[in-house]
Amino acid sequence: MKILVVEDDKDLMEIITKSLEKERYVVSQAPDYRTALMKAGDYDYDCILLDIMLPDGNGLDLLAELQDMGKKANVIILSAK
């Protein structure tokens, strides 16, 4: 299973990534909106862990853009709100 972690908090992203890799998932990281959009456009992910508050955009806007692109990944929203 291939997972994209979209999280701007480096420490949290590393914890999530290490935990998932320990369970033998293939994990990619995106620290911001632009990187997430690029990676999700280039690759198909089984799941995207998506932070809502990103430094260069809103995770919900990213989700809408991915849906417009026809991306069918399952999404889990992460938020401190």
Protein backbone atom coordinates (compact mmCIF):
# COMPACT_ATOMS: atom_id res chain seq x y z
CA MET A 1 0.00 0.00 0.00
CA LYS A 2 1.37 3.40 -1.00
CA ILE A 3 0.60 6.36 1.27
CA LEU A 4 1.21 10.09 0.85
CA VAL A 5 1.65 12.02 4.09
CA VAL A 6 0.88 15.73 3.63
CA GLU A 7 1.99 17.49 6.82
CA ASP A 8 3.95 20.70 7.40
CA ASP A 9 5.09 19.80 10.93
CA LYS A 10 8.39 17.99 10.29
CA ASP A 11 8.44 16.13 13.60
CA LEU A 12 4.89 14.85 13.21
CA MET A 13 5.53 13.88 9.59
CA GLU A 14 8.59 11.86 10.63
CA ILE A 15 6.69 10.07 13.42
CA ILE A 16 3.84 9.16 11.07
CA THR A 17 6.22 8.07 8.32
CA LYS A 18 8.35 5.89 10.59
CA SER A 19 5.26 4.27 12.12
CA LEU A 20 3.81 3.44 8.71
CA GLU A 21 7.12 2.18 7.31
CA LYS A 22 7.49 -0.04 10.36
CA GLU A 23 4.24 -1.68 9.25
CA ARG A 24 5.77 -2.10 5.76
CA TYR A 25 3.81 0.62 3.96
CA VAL A 26 5.46 2.59 1.17
CA VAL A 27 5.38 6.22 2.28
CA SER A 28 5.97 9.49 0.42
CA GLN A 29 6.08 12.88 2.12
CA ALA A 30 4.85 16.31 1.11
CA PRO A 31 5.46 19.24 3.46
CA ASP A 32 3.26 21.69 1.55
CA TYR A 33 0.36 22.12 -0.88
CA ARG A 34 2.48 22.49 -4.00
CA THR A 35 4.57 19.36 -3.34
CA ALA A 36 1.46 17.34 -2.46
CA LEU A 37 -0.29 18.40 -5.66
CA MET A 38 2.77 17.50 -7.73
CA LYS A 39 3.24 14.08 -6.11
CA ALA A 40 -0.45 13.20 -6.18
CA GLY A 41 -0.60 14.24 -9.83
CA ASP A 42 2.39 12.10 -10.77
CA TYR A 43 1.63 8.96 -8.73
CA ASP A 44 -1.38 6.97 -7.61
CA TYR A 45 -1.66 6.55 -3.85
CA ASP A 46 -3.90 4.14 -1.98
CA CYS A 47 -4.31 6.63 0.85
CA ILE A 48 -3.47 10.27 1.52
CA LEU A 49 -3.05 11.53 5.09
CA LEU A 50 -3.90 15.18 4.62
CA ASP A 51 -3.30 18.10 6.97
CA ILE A 52 -5.81 20.92 6.52
CA MET A 53 -3.58 23.85 7.44
CA LEU A 54 -0.61 23.97 5.08
CA PRO A 55 1.85 26.86 4.72
CA ASP A 56 0.94 27.55 1.09
CA GLY A 57 -2.70 26.48 0.90
CA ASN A 58 -5.65 24.70 2.42
CA GLY A 59 -5.81 20.91 2.52
CA LEU A 60 -9.52 20.96 1.67
CA ASP A 61 -8.75 22.94 -1.48
CA LEU A 62 -6.11 20.35 -2.33
CA LEU A 63 -8.67 17.59 -1.83
CA ALA A 64 -11.08 19.33 -4.23
CA GLU A 65 -8.31 19.75 -6.80
CA LEU A 66 -7.38 16.07 -6.56
CA GLN A 67 -11.02 15.10 -7.08
CA ASP A 68 -11.17 17.36 -10.15
CA MET A 69 -8.09 15.51 -11.47
CA GLY A 70 -9.94 12.21 -11.07
CA LYS A 71 -7.70 10.94 -8.29
CA LYS A 72 -9.44 8.20 -6.33
CA ALA A 73 -7.18 7.83 -3.27
CA ASN A 74 -8.79 7.37 0.11
CA VAL A 75 -8.16 10.45 2.27
CA ILE A 76 -7.76 10.77 6.02
CA ILE A 77 -7.85 14.37 7.24
CA LEU A 78 -5.43 15.42 9.98
CA SER A 79 -6.10 18.66 11.80
CA ALA A 80 -5.19 20.46 14.99
CA LYS A 81 -8.47 22.39 14.73
